[in-house]
C-alpha cells in the first residue's frame, strides 16, 4: 500500500457499502450531510480521473463506499472513503497509473513512493502489457485542506483473500495490446491537431455573393460539427480508461460555445458565418451529446431552446422532422432570410441519418424520460426507412455506413432485439470486403470504422458476429498511419443543386469533404467500442 498524506485515525471503524447503491450525485449529497461540503471539487476530480467520467446519476459499480467512524471525529462527521477497483476502470496498468497521477496532480499531492511501488510490482514488463497490478485507489474526504489518497498494488503471483482470480495480475492478450497502442496513437494525433485549431479538419467552401449568398465574406469555414465529433471521440476514449488532455477538451468546448448562433435561436450553423444557412439538427445533436458529457450543467441551457423548436415545431405525425431549425413563431428579417435560404439553396424534408443521430443523443442523455414519446415515434419512422438490404442511405454523408451506424445505434438503444437489427447484421456480413474491411469499391478507414460501430451496437442481438468484428478491428489496426491517423476519404457531401434536384429539374452536384481528423475520430470511437467486446475478461 502506498499512502499519500496519511491521516491518523485511532480505533477507526469503516462500514463498507457496495458502490452500486450510490451515484456521484448521491455522494455529493452525502458530503453535504456529513459536513464535508468543501470536498465537492475533490469528488469531481476523483470522478473524472479514476471513475472515468461516469454519468453523475449512474450507479458506481466496482466501487466501495465507506463512512469511517473514528475516535477524533464527531459522530455525525465521519470520513467518507471511496475505493475504486482500478482494473474495472482502466484497460491496463499504464492507464491506471496515469489516472492516479492525474488525480494526485489535481489535488496538488506529491507521489514520493509511487514509482518505487510500481517498480516493485511490475518487474521488467511494460505497464501497457499488464493489468491488475494496481488494484484499488481510495480517496478519503476529510477536508479540502487535508487530502489523502491510497493506492493498493499486488505483485504477480501474490494472492489476497478478498480479490477473485478475475483481478489477478497478468498480461493482456496481444490483440488488446495492439488495440490500446493504436488508441493511444490516435489520441495523440487528434490532440496534436488542436495546436493549429484543427485546420486539417476544417471544411472550407466559397458561397459567392453573385449567387445571392450574404455575409461579409464569400469564404466560410465549417468547424462546429468536426470539433464536436472529435470531442466525443476523445471523451469516449477517456471513458474507456485512456489518458486525454482534459484542459484541451474544455478549450474545444469553449470554442464550440462561442460559435453558437447569436442572430437566431436553434443552436449552431454548419458554417457559422454564413447568414443564409439556418442552424441544423445534426450540429445540435453532436454538440448536445458532447455538452451532456463534459458540461452537463450547461447542456440544457445552451441546447434546450433548439431541442424544443425541433420537437414542438418541426416534427411531423410520422415521427420525422426537418433538419433545419427555424423559429417560425417569431417572424423577423433573420427568419425571412433563413426561409429564403432553404427555398433557394438548401432544400427541405427529413434526413434519416440526422433524425437518428438527434434522437440517439436525446435518448443517451435523457434521465427523466422527457423525450421518450418523441424517441419512440422517431424510432418507428427510422425502422420504416430501412432498405431491403438492411442499410440506411444518408443525405449529407457518402455511402451507406454512416446512416446505418446512426440508425442501428438508435434502434439498439430504444428497441433492443428488434428484427431490423438482424437485417443490419446481414447487411454488414454481405458487404464486408475480401480484405475484411468495408467500403465501396474498396475498403476505407471511415467506412470500416462506421461498420464496426454499427456492429458493436448489435451486441445484444442473436445475429451478432464476434468473428466479423474481430477481423474488421484487425483491418483498422493494420491500416493506421505511423502518425496515429487514418487516411482521409470523402465523408461529408453537400448537393449544391439540392433544391433543383428535389424538384426534378437537375442532377445532384456534390461538394465533398473529408479529413484525417474525421477518419481518426471515427477510428478511435470504433476501437474503444470493439475493445470492450473483444476483451476476454468481459466476453
Protein backbone atom coordinates (compact mmCIF):
# COMPACT_ATOMS: atom_id res chain seq x y z
CA UNK A 1 0.00 0.00 0.00
CA UNK A 2 1.28 3.45 -0.90
CA UNK A 3 -0.32 6.11 1.28
CA UNK A 4 -0.15 9.77 0.48
CA UNK A 5 -0.69 12.35 3.25
CA UNK A 6 -1.51 9.81 5.99
CA UNK A 7 -4.21 10.64 8.50
CA UNK A 8 -4.01 9.06 11.94
CA UNK A 9 -7.39 7.64 12.91
CA UNK A 10 -7.20 5.61 16.13
CA UNK A 11 -9.73 2.82 16.61
CA UNK A 12 -11.26 3.55 13.21
CA UNK A 13 -14.38 1.62 12.21
CA UNK A 14 -15.08 1.55 8.45
CA UNK A 15 -18.54 0.44 7.27
CA UNK A 16 -18.46 -0.82 3.68
CA UNK A 17 -21.29 -0.42 1.20
CA UNK A 18 -21.35 -1.60 -2.41
CA UNK A 19 -20.94 1.39 -4.69
CA UNK A 20 -23.79 0.20 -6.88
CA UNK A 21 -26.10 1.75 -4.28
CA UNK A 22 -24.62 5.20 -4.96
CA UNK A 23 -24.21 7.74 -7.73
CA UNK A 24 -21.87 10.73 -7.98
CA UNK A 25 -24.88 12.97 -7.34
CA UNK A 26 -25.69 10.89 -4.28
CA UNK A 27 -22.12 11.14 -2.97
CA UNK A 28 -22.25 14.92 -3.30
CA UNK A 29 -25.38 14.83 -1.15
CA UNK A 30 -23.61 12.60 1.39
CA UNK A 31 -20.74 15.08 1.62
CA UNK A 32 -23.21 17.83 2.48
CA UNK A 33 -24.90 15.68 5.12
CA UNK A 34 -21.65 14.88 6.92
CA UNK A 35 -20.47 18.49 6.80
CA UNK A 36 -17.80 17.94 4.12
CA UNK A 37 -19.18 20.47 1.61
CA UNK A 38 -15.67 21.74 0.92
CA UNK A 39 -14.80 18.37 -0.67
CA UNK A 40 -17.02 18.61 -3.77
CA UNK A 41 -14.12 19.50 -6.07
CA UNK A 42 -12.17 16.51 -4.74
CA UNK A 43 -15.08 14.23 -5.61
CA UNK A 44 -15.33 15.72 -9.11
CA UNK A 45 -11.60 15.11 -9.64
CA UNK A 46 -11.93 11.51 -8.44
CA UNK A 47 -14.85 11.05 -10.81
CA UNK A 48 -13.01 12.45 -13.79
CA UNK A 49 -9.63 10.78 -13.38
CA UNK A 50 -10.50 7.46 -11.68
CA UNK A 51 -14.19 6.73 -12.22
CA UNK A 52 -13.62 7.79 -15.84
CA UNK A 53 -16.39 10.32 -16.30
CA UNK A 54 -19.18 8.06 -15.12
CA UNK A 55 -22.55 9.81 -15.62
CA UNK A 56 -23.43 11.67 -12.41
CA UNK A 57 -26.62 9.65 -11.95
CA UNK A 58 -25.16 6.22 -12.88
CA UNK A 59 -24.60 3.53 -10.28
CA UNK A 60 -20.98 3.39 -9.14
CA UNK A 61 -20.34 -0.27 -9.79
CA UNK A 62 -16.88 -1.65 -8.96
CA UNK A 63 -16.51 0.71 -6.02
CA UNK A 64 -16.90 0.56 -2.25
CA UNK A 65 -18.26 3.48 -0.25
CA UNK A 66 -17.28 3.62 3.41
CA UNK A 67 -18.09 6.07 6.16
CA UNK A 68 -15.20 5.79 8.62
CA UNK A 69 -16.08 6.50 12.24
CA UNK A 70 -13.01 7.19 14.37
CA UNK A 71 -12.11 8.47 17.81
CA UNK A 72 -11.01 12.01 16.82
CA UNK A 73 -14.17 12.62 14.76
CA UNK A 74 -17.62 13.79 15.77
CA UNK A 75 -20.21 11.01 15.33
CA UNK A 76 -22.08 12.95 12.64
CA UNK A 77 -18.89 13.89 10.78
CA UNK A 78 -17.26 10.64 9.65
CA UNK A 79 -14.64 10.49 6.95
CA UNK A 80 -16.16 9.37 3.68
CA UNK A 81 -13.91 6.89 1.88
CA UNK A 82 -14.44 5.69 -1.70
CA UNK A 83 -12.47 2.76 -3.15
CA UNK A 84 -12.41 2.12 -6.90
CA UNK A 85 -11.32 -1.22 -8.40
CA UNK A 86 -8.84 0.08 -10.97
CA UNK A 87 -8.91 -2.97 -13.32
CA UNK A 88 -12.59 -2.27 -13.98
CA UNK A 89 -11.98 1.35 -14.97
CA UNK A 90 -8.75 1.14 -16.98
CA UNK A 91 -7.51 -1.00 -19.89
CA UNK A 92 -4.09 -1.66 -18.33
CA UNK A 93 -1.75 -0.68 -15.53
CA UNK A 94 -0.21 2.14 -17.55
CA UNK A 95 -3.59 3.84 -17.93
CA UNK A 96 -4.38 3.20 -14.28
CA UNK A 97 -1.10 4.79 -13.20
CA UNK A 98 -1.79 7.80 -15.44
CA UNK A 99 -5.21 8.18 -13.84
CA UNK A 100 -3.71 8.11 -10.36
CA UNK A 101 -1.06 10.65 -11.33
CA UNK A 102 -3.70 12.96 -12.81
CA UNK A 103 -5.80 12.71 -9.66
CA UNK A 104 -2.80 13.48 -7.45
CA UNK A 105 -1.91 16.45 -9.64
CA UNK A 106 -5.45 17.79 -9.46
CA UNK A 107 -5.29 17.54 -5.66
CA UNK A 108 -1.76 19.04 -5.51
CA UNK A 109 -0.38 15.89 -3.92
CA UNK A 110 3.13 14.53 -4.38
CA UNK A 111 3.75 10.86 -5.16
CA UNK A 112 7.04 10.20 -3.37
CA UNK A 113 6.80 6.41 -3.28
CA UNK A 114 4.60 5.74 -6.29
CA UNK A 115 7.38 4.97 -8.77
CA UNK A 116 9.05 2.65 -6.26
CA UNK A 117 5.79 0.79 -5.74
CA UNK A 118 5.28 0.37 -9.49
CA UNK A 119 8.84 -0.82 -9.94
CA UNK A 120 8.45 -3.33 -7.13
CA UNK A 121 5.34 -4.98 -8.59
CA UNK A 122 5.87 -4.66 -12.34
CA UNK A 123 9.22 -6.31 -12.84
CA UNK A 124 10.68 -5.94 -16.32
CA UNK A 125 7.47 -5.84 -18.36
CA UNK A 126 5.89 -2.58 -19.59
CA UNK A 127 2.75 -1.45 -17.78
CA UNK A 128 0.93 -1.24 -21.13
CA UNK A 129 1.04 -5.05 -21.30
CA UNK A 130 -0.14 -5.84 -17.78
CA UNK A 131 -3.29 -5.24 -15.81
CA UNK A 132 -4.41 -5.60 -12.22
CA UNK A 133 -1.03 -4.86 -10.67
CA UNK A 134 -2.73 -1.70 -9.48
CA UNK A 135 -5.76 -2.92 -7.58
CA UNK A 136 -7.59 -0.14 -5.76
CA UNK A 137 -7.39 3.61 -5.48
CA UNK A 138 -9.15 5.09 -2.49
CA UNK A 139 -9.78 8.68 -1.53
CA UNK A 140 -10.66 9.99 1.93
CA UNK A 141 -12.88 13.06 2.04
CA UNK A 142 -11.64 14.72 5.20
CA UNK A 143 -11.47 18.36 4.17
CA UNK A 144 -10.15 20.44 1.32
CA UNK A 145 -7.07 21.13 3.46
CA UNK A 146 -6.42 17.50 4.41
CA UNK A 147 -6.31 15.40 1.25
CA UNK A 148 -5.45 11.74 1.22
CA UNK A 149 -5.46 9.04 -1.42
CA UNK A 150 -4.18 5.49 -1.12
CA UNK A 151 -3.14 3.07 -3.84
CA UNK A 152 -3.26 -0.69 -3.31
CA UNK A 153 -0.99 -2.78 -5.51
CA UNK A 154 -0.38 -6.52 -5.83
CA UNK A 155 2.59 -8.22 -7.50
CA UNK A 156 2.05 -11.07 -9.92
CA UNK A 157 1.54 -14.34 -8.07
CA UNK A 158 0.51 -12.74 -4.78
CA UNK A 159 -2.99 -13.73 -3.71
CA UNK A 160 -5.27 -11.99 -1.24
CA UNK A 161 -8.48 -13.47 0.16
CA UNK A 162 -10.70 -10.53 -0.81
CA UNK A 163 -9.81 -10.46 -4.53
CA UNK A 164 -11.02 -13.01 -7.04
CA UNK A 165 -8.95 -14.61 -9.76
CA UNK A 166 -10.73 -12.24 -12.16
CA UNK A 167 -8.47 -9.42 -11.00
CA UNK A 168 -5.29 -11.43 -10.62
CA UNK A 169 -2.37 -9.54 -12.17
CA UNK A 170 -1.48 -10.85 -15.59
CA UNK A 171 -0.61 -9.97 -19.16
CA UNK A 172 -3.01 -8.52 -21.69
CA UNK A 173 -3.74 -10.54 -24.83
CA UNK A 174 -1.68 -9.45 -27.84
CA UNK A 175 -4.75 -8.17 -29.72
CA UNK A 176 -5.72 -5.88 -26.86
CA UNK A 177 -2.16 -4.60 -26.61
CA UNK A 178 -2.31 -3.69 -30.31
CA UNK A 179 -5.73 -2.06 -29.97
CA UNK A 180 -4.63 0.00 -26.98
CA UNK A 181 -1.43 1.19 -28.61
CA UNK A 182 -3.44 2.19 -31.69
CA UNK A 183 -5.92 4.06 -29.49
CA UNK A 184 -3.12 5.95 -27.75
CA UNK A 185 -1.58 6.90 -31.10
CA UNK A 186 -4.96 8.13 -32.39
CA UNK A 187 -5.46 10.25 -29.28
CA UNK A 188 -2.00 11.78 -29.74
CA UNK A 189 -2.76 12.61 -33.38
CA UNK A 190 -6.09 14.28 -32.62
CA UNK A 191 -4.71 16.27 -29.72
CA UNK A 192 -1.82 17.34 -31.92
CA UNK A 193 -4.34 18.85 -34.36
CA UNK A 194 -5.57 21.16 -31.61
CA UNK A 195 -2.35 23.21 -31.86
CA UNK A 196 -3.45 24.85 -35.13
CA UNK A 197 -7.17 24.83 -34.42
CA UNK A 198 -7.89 21.57 -36.27
CA UNK A 199 -7.08 23.29 -39.55
CA UNK A 200 -6.82 19.95 -41.36
CA UNK A 201 -10.37 19.03 -40.32
CA UNK A 202 -11.96 22.37 -41.20
CA UNK A 203 -14.39 22.34 -44.14
CA UNK A 204 -13.87 25.39 -46.35
CA UNK A 205 -16.28 26.44 -49.08
CA UNK A 206 -16.97 29.51 -51.19
CA UNK A 207 -20.52 30.87 -51.37
CA UNK A 208 -20.34 33.72 -53.91
CA UNK A 209 -22.24 36.96 -53.46
CA UNK A 210 -23.23 36.92 -57.13
CA UNK A 211 -25.24 33.76 -56.47
CA UNK A 212 -27.26 35.52 -53.79
CA UNK A 213 -25.36 34.48 -50.66
CA UNK A 214 -24.86 37.08 -47.95
CA UNK A 215 -22.19 37.59 -45.35
CA UNK A 216 -19.11 39.74 -45.02
CA UNK A 217 -17.01 37.22 -46.93
CA UNK A 218 -17.58 34.62 -49.61
CA UNK A 219 -15.27 32.10 -47.97
CA UNK A 220 -16.66 30.22 -44.98
CA UNK A 221 -15.30 27.57 -42.62
CA UNK A 222 -17.22 24.71 -41.03
CA UNK A 223 -15.74 23.71 -37.66
CA UNK A 224 -18.53 23.04 -35.16
CA UNK A 225 -19.53 19.56 -36.28
CA UNK A 226 -15.92 18.44 -36.57
CA UNK A 227 -14.94 19.81 -33.17
CA UNK A 228 -17.91 18.06 -31.58
CA UNK A 229 -17.13 14.76 -33.35
CA UNK A 230 -13.51 14.87 -32.21
CA UNK A 231 -14.55 15.89 -28.68
CA UNK A 232 -16.96 12.97 -28.40
CA UNK A 233 -14.29 10.58 -29.68
CA UNK A 234 -11.80 11.81 -27.07
CA UNK A 235 -14.41 11.59 -24.32
CA UNK A 236 -15.21 8.00 -25.28
CA UNK A 237 -11.50 7.20 -25.14
CA UNK A 238 -11.31 8.73 -21.65
CA UNK A 239 -14.35 6.74 -20.59
CA UNK A 240 -12.59 3.60 -21.80
CA UNK A 241 -9.74 4.43 -19.42
CA UNK A 242 -7.26 6.25 -21.64
CA UNK A 243 -5.49 9.47 -20.76
CA UNK A 244 -6.61 12.62 -22.62
CA UNK A 245 -5.88 16.31 -22.26
CA UNK A 246 -8.94 17.47 -20.32
CA UNK A 247 -7.94 21.11 -20.43
CA UNK A 248 -7.63 20.86 -24.19
CA UNK A 249 -11.07 19.29 -24.46
CA UNK A 250 -12.52 22.04 -22.27
CA UNK A 251 -10.90 24.58 -24.61
CA UNK A 252 -12.56 22.89 -27.60
CA UNK A 253 -15.92 23.11 -25.84
CA UNK A 254 -15.30 26.82 -25.18
CA UNK A 255 -14.76 27.29 -28.92
CA UNK A 256 -17.98 25.44 -29.75
CA UNK A 257 -19.97 27.56 -27.29
CA UNK A 258 -18.52 30.74 -28.79
CA UNK A 259 -19.67 29.64 -32.28
CA UNK A 260 -23.31 29.31 -31.19
CA UNK A 261 -25.73 31.39 -33.28
CA UNK A 262 -26.34 34.86 -31.89
CA UNK A 263 -28.80 36.12 -34.50
CA UNK A 264 -31.33 33.30 -34.31
CA UNK A 265 -32.35 30.60 -31.82
CA UNK A 266 -31.71 26.94 -32.55
CA UNK A 267 -28.06 26.29 -31.81
CA UNK A 268 -25.30 26.05 -34.40
CA UNK A 269 -24.84 26.51 -38.14
CA UNK A 270 -22.55 24.15 -40.02
CA UNK A 271 -20.88 27.28 -41.44
CA UNK A 272 -21.18 29.74 -38.53
CA UNK A 273 -20.51 32.87 -40.60
CA UNK A 274 -22.96 32.13 -43.45
CA UNK A 275 -26.15 34.09 -42.60
CA UNK A 276 -28.34 32.33 -45.20
CA UNK A 277 -27.75 28.96 -43.54
CA UNK A 278 -30.10 28.00 -40.67
CA UNK A 279 -28.97 26.15 -37.56
CA UNK A 280 -29.33 22.42 -38.12
CA UNK A 281 -30.37 19.38 -36.12
CA UNK A 282 -27.19 17.39 -36.82
CA UNK A 283 -24.88 20.01 -35.33
CA UNK A 284 -27.25 20.42 -32.39
CA UNK A 285 -27.24 16.66 -31.75
CA UNK A 286 -23.46 16.27 -31.77
CA UNK A 287 -22.91 19.35 -29.62
CA UNK A 288 -25.63 18.34 -27.15
CA UNK A 289 -24.07 14.89 -26.79
CA UNK A 290 -20.69 16.47 -26.01
CA UNK A 291 -22.05 19.08 -23.59
CA UNK A 292 -24.02 16.43 -21.66
CA UNK A 293 -20.76 14.56 -21.20
CA UNK A 294 -18.35 17.40 -20.44
CA UNK A 295 -20.59 20.19 -19.09
CA UNK A 296 -23.89 18.61 -18.08
CA UNK A 297 -24.93 21.68 -16.10
CA UNK A 298 -24.82 23.82 -19.26
CA UNK A 299 -26.24 21.39 -21.82
CA UNK A 300 -29.91 22.25 -21.45
CA UNK A 301 -29.29 25.98 -21.10
CA UNK A 302 -27.38 26.03 -24.39
CA UNK A 303 -29.38 23.44 -26.33
CA UNK A 304 -32.83 23.37 -24.76
CA UNK A 305 -34.38 26.03 -26.97
CA UNK A 306 -33.17 24.31 -30.13
CA UNK A 307 -34.42 20.93 -28.93
CA UNK A 308 -37.81 22.46 -28.22
CA UNK A 309 -38.03 24.01 -31.68
CA UNK A 310 -37.26 20.65 -33.29
CA UNK A 311 -39.72 18.60 -31.27
CA UNK A 312 -42.53 21.14 -30.99
CA UNK A 313 -42.42 22.95 -34.31
CA UNK A 314 -40.59 20.87 -36.91
CA UNK A 315 -41.87 17.34 -36.20
CA UNK A 316 -44.39 15.50 -38.35
CA UNK A 317 -47.05 12.98 -37.37
CA UNK A 318 -44.88 10.08 -38.60
CA UNK A 319 -42.11 10.95 -36.11
CA UNK A 320 -39.81 12.63 -38.62
CA UNK A 321 -38.72 16.27 -38.62
CA UNK A 322 -36.90 18.82 -40.73
CA UNK A 323 -33.14 19.17 -40.49
CA UNK A 324 -33.27 22.98 -40.40
CA UNK A 325 -34.17 24.82 -37.20
CA UNK A 326 -36.19 28.00 -37.79
CA UNK A 327 -38.34 29.74 -35.19
CA UNK A 328 -41.38 30.45 -37.35
CA UNK A 329 -43.40 31.70 -34.35
CA UNK A 330 -41.25 34.83 -34.17
CA UNK A 331 -41.05 36.30 -37.69
CA UNK A 332 -38.13 38.62 -38.31
CA UNK A 333 -35.79 39.69 -41.07
CA UNK A 334 -33.43 36.90 -39.99
CA UNK A 335 -36.24 34.32 -40.15
CA UNK A 336 -37.22 35.56 -43.61
CA UNK A 337 -33.64 35.22 -44.80
CA UNK A 338 -33.32 31.70 -43.43
CA UNK A 339 -36.61 30.63 -45.05
CA UNK A 340 -35.43 32.09 -48.34
CA UNK A 341 -32.13 30.24 -47.99
CA UNK A 342 -33.95 26.93 -47.51
CA UNK A 343 -36.12 27.61 -50.57
CA UNK A 344 -33.24 28.73 -52.80
CA UNK A 345 -30.21 26.76 -51.68
CA UNK A 346 -30.60 24.06 -49.04
CA UNK A 347 -33.81 22.16 -49.81
CA UNK A 348 -36.21 20.73 -47.26
CA UNK A 349 -37.56 17.47 -45.92
CA UNK A 350 -36.42 14.93 -43.32
CA UNK A 351 -32.98 13.33 -43.47
CA UNK A 352 -32.89 9.88 -41.89
CA UNK A 353 -29.34 9.96 -40.55
CA UNK A 354 -29.92 13.38 -38.95
CA UNK A 355 -33.09 12.19 -37.23
CA UNK A 356 -31.36 9.06 -35.93
CA UNK A 357 -28.36 10.99 -34.61
CA UNK A 358 -30.55 13.57 -32.84
CA UNK A 359 -32.88 11.04 -31.21
CA UNK A 360 -29.95 8.93 -30.02
CA UNK A 361 -28.34 11.99 -28.44
CA UNK A 362 -31.61 12.73 -26.63
CA UNK A 363 -32.03 9.11 -25.54
CA UNK A 364 -28.47 8.66 -24.32
CA UNK A 365 -28.75 11.66 -22.00
CA UNK A 366 -32.47 11.54 -21.11
CA UNK A 367 -32.55 10.74 -17.38
CA UNK A 368 -36.17 11.85 -16.87
CA UNK A 369 -37.94 10.13 -19.81
CA UNK A 370 -38.84 13.61 -21.04
CA UNK A 371 -38.21 12.66 -24.66
CA UNK A 372 -39.49 9.09 -24.60
CA UNK A 373 -42.54 9.70 -26.79
CA UNK A 374 -40.56 11.57 -29.44
CA UNK A 375 -37.86 8.89 -29.43
CA UNK A 376 -40.39 6.07 -29.80
CA UNK A 377 -42.21 7.73 -32.71
CA UNK A 378 -38.95 8.70 -34.37
CA UNK A 379 -37.52 5.21 -33.99
CA UNK A 380 -40.60 3.78 -35.68
CA UNK A 381 -40.01 6.17 -38.57
CA UNK A 382 -36.34 5.16 -38.84
CA UNK A 383 -37.26 1.46 -38.86
CA UNK A 384 -39.71 2.11 -41.69
CA UNK A 385 -36.92 3.66 -43.76
CA UNK A 386 -34.56 0.67 -43.71
CA UNK A 387 -33.64 -0.68 -47.14
CA UNK A 388 -34.33 -4.30 -48.10
CA UNK A 389 -30.57 -4.88 -47.87
CA UNK A 390 -30.65 -3.82 -44.22
CA UNK A 391 -28.96 -0.41 -44.55
CA UNK A 392 -29.94 3.25 -44.48
CA UNK A 393 -28.67 5.75 -47.07
CA UNK A 394 -27.71 9.26 -45.98
CA UNK A 395 -28.40 12.68 -47.43
CA UNK A 396 -25.34 14.50 -46.14
CA UNK A 397 -22.74 11.70 -46.00
CA UNK A 398 -21.19 9.42 -48.58
CA UNK A 399 -22.06 5.73 -48.65
CA UNK A 400 -24.41 3.61 -46.61
CA UNK A 401 -22.37 3.15 -43.45
CA UNK A 402 -22.91 6.43 -41.59
CA UNK A 403 -26.69 6.23 -41.98
CA UNK A 404 -26.60 2.57 -40.98
CA UNK A 405 -24.47 3.24 -37.92
CA UNK A 406 -26.64 6.15 -36.73
CA UNK A 407 -29.87 4.22 -37.24
CA UNK A 408 -28.58 0.98 -35.71
CA UNK A 409 -27.30 2.81 -32.63
CA UNK A 410 -30.72 4.41 -32.12
CA UNK A 411 -32.75 1.22 -32.62
CA UNK A 412 -30.45 -0.85 -30.39
CA UNK A 413 -30.85 1.71 -27.60
CA UNK A 414 -34.60 2.23 -27.98
CA UNK A 415 -35.77 -1.20 -29.17
CA UNK A 416 -33.11 -3.80 -28.37
CA UNK A 417 -33.85 -7.07 -30.16
CA UNK A 418 -35.90 -5.53 -32.97
CA UNK A 419 -35.82 -7.56 -36.22
CA UNK A 420 -34.33 -4.55 -38.02
CA UNK A 421 -31.08 -5.24 -36.17
CA UNK A 422 -30.88 -8.73 -37.65
CA UNK A 423 -31.16 -7.20 -41.10
CA UNK A 424 -28.27 -4.86 -40.24
CA UNK A 425 -26.14 -7.86 -39.26
CA UNK A 426 -26.84 -9.49 -42.62
CA UNK A 427 -26.01 -6.26 -44.44
CA UNK A 428 -22.66 -5.99 -42.67
CA UNK A 429 -21.84 -9.64 -43.38
CA UNK A 430 -22.86 -9.30 -47.05
CA UNK A 431 -20.84 -6.15 -47.71
CA UNK A 432 -17.55 -6.90 -45.95
CA UNK A 433 -14.73 -6.94 -48.49
CA UNK A 434 -12.24 -9.71 -49.07
CA UNK A 435 -9.64 -7.82 -47.03
CA UNK A 436 -12.09 -7.77 -44.02
CA UNK A 437 -12.75 -4.03 -44.26
CA UNK A 438 -15.78 -2.14 -45.53
CA UNK A 439 -16.23 0.38 -48.33
CA UNK A 440 -17.29 0.56 -51.95
CA UNK A 441 -15.49 -0.24 -54.18
CA UNK A 442 -12.59 -0.71 -51.76
CA UNK A 443 -12.21 -0.65 -48.01
CA UNK A 444 -11.71 2.73 -46.35
CA UNK A 445 -10.92 3.55 -42.74
CA UNK A 446 -14.03 5.64 -42.18
CA UNK A 447 -16.45 3.09 -43.67
CA UNK A 448 -14.77 0.29 -41.75
CA UNK A 449 -14.97 2.28 -38.51
CA UNK A 450 -18.66 3.07 -39.09
CA UNK A 451 -19.42 -0.58 -39.89
CA UNK A 452 -17.67 -1.65 -36.68
CA UNK A 453 -19.62 0.92 -34.65
CA UNK A 454 -22.84 -0.45 -36.13
CA UNK A 455 -21.67 -4.00 -35.36
CA UNK A 456 -20.91 -3.21 -31.71
CA UNK A 457 -24.46 -1.88 -31.36
CA UNK A 458 -25.66 -5.40 -32.21
CA UNK A 459 -24.05 -6.99 -29.14
CA UNK A 460 -27.39 -7.99 -27.66
CA UNK A 461 -28.65 -9.36 -30.98
CA UNK A 462 -28.62 -13.07 -31.77
CA UNK A 463 -27.18 -12.14 -35.17
CA UNK A 464 -24.05 -10.58 -33.64
CA UNK A 465 -20.87 -11.95 -35.27
CA UNK A 466 -17.88 -11.57 -32.94
CA UNK A 467 -15.51 -13.00 -35.53
CA UNK A 468 -16.54 -10.40 -38.10
CA UNK A 469 -15.94 -7.69 -35.51
CA UNK A 470 -12.50 -9.07 -34.67
CA UNK A 471 -11.40 -9.25 -38.30
CA UNK A 472 -12.65 -5.73 -39.05
CA UNK A 473 -10.78 -4.46 -36.00
CA UNK A 474 -7.60 -6.05 -37.30
CA UNK A 475 -8.12 -4.23 -40.62
CA UNK A 476 -8.24 -0.88 -38.78
CA UNK A 477 -5.12 -1.74 -36.79
CA UNK A 478 -3.20 -2.67 -39.93
CA UNK A 479 -4.16 0.49 -41.79
CA UNK A 480 -3.30 3.17 -39.22
CA UNK A 481 -0.55 5.55 -40.39
CA UNK A 482 2.63 5.95 -38.40
CA UNK A 483 1.49 9.37 -37.13
CA UNK A 484 -1.58 7.80 -35.50
CA UNK A 485 -4.13 8.88 -38.12
CA UNK A 486 -6.11 7.12 -40.81
CA UNK A 487 -6.23 8.24 -44.41
CA UNK A 488 -8.68 10.97 -45.39
CA UNK A 489 -11.58 9.81 -47.53
CA UNK A 490 -14.73 11.69 -48.61
CA UNK A 491 -17.25 11.74 -45.78
CA UNK A 492 -19.49 14.82 -45.86
CA UNK A 493 -21.31 15.56 -49.08
CA UNK A 494 -23.44 18.59 -49.97
CA UNK A 495 -25.69 18.63 -53.03
CA UNK A 496 -25.23 22.18 -54.27
CA UNK A 497 -28.21 21.60 -56.60
CA UNK A 498 -30.45 20.13 -53.92
CA UNK A 499 -33.43 22.43 -54.49
CA UNK A 500 -33.39 21.71 -58.21
CA UNK A 501 -32.71 18.02 -57.56
CA UNK A 502 -35.74 17.77 -55.30
CA UNK A 503 -37.84 19.48 -57.96
CA UNK A 504 -36.62 17.00 -60.58
CA UNK A 505 -35.04 19.78 -62.65
CA UNK A 506 -31.34 18.88 -62.25
CA UNK A 507 -28.99 16.07 -61.32
CA UNK A 508 -27.15 16.25 -57.98
CA UNK A 509 -23.86 18.11 -57.90
CA UNK A 510 -21.91 17.14 -54.81
CA UNK A 511 -19.28 19.06 -52.89
CA UNK A 512 -17.28 16.71 -50.67
CA UNK A 513 -15.20 16.98 -47.54
CA UNK A 514 -13.05 14.52 -45.69
CA UNK A 515 -10.03 14.73 -43.43
CA UNK A 516 -7.60 12.59 -41.49
CA UNK A 517 -9.01 14.05 -38.29
CA UNK A 518 -12.55 12.89 -39.08
CA UNK A 519 -11.35 9.44 -40.10
CA UNK A 520 -9.26 9.21 -36.95
CA UNK A 521 -12.12 10.33 -34.72
CA UNK A 522 -14.32 7.53 -36.05
CA UNK A 523 -11.44 5.04 -35.94
CA UNK A 524 -10.84 5.93 -32.30
CA UNK A 525 -14.51 5.56 -31.42
CA UNK A 526 -14.69 2.22 -33.20
CA UNK A 527 -11.67 0.77 -31.40
CA UNK A 528 -12.89 1.97 -27.99
CA UNK A 529 -16.17 0.19 -28.71
CA UNK A 530 -14.72 -3.03 -30.13
CA UNK A 531 -12.08 -3.49 -27.39
CA UNK A 532 -14.90 -3.76 -24.83
CA UNK A 533 -16.43 -6.62 -26.82
CA UNK A 534 -13.12 -8.31 -27.57
CA UNK A 535 -11.75 -8.09 -24.04
CA UNK A 536 -11.68 -11.70 -22.85
CA UNK A 537 -12.49 -10.60 -19.32
CA UNK A 538 -15.90 -9.43 -20.48
CA UNK A 539 -16.65 -11.93 -23.23
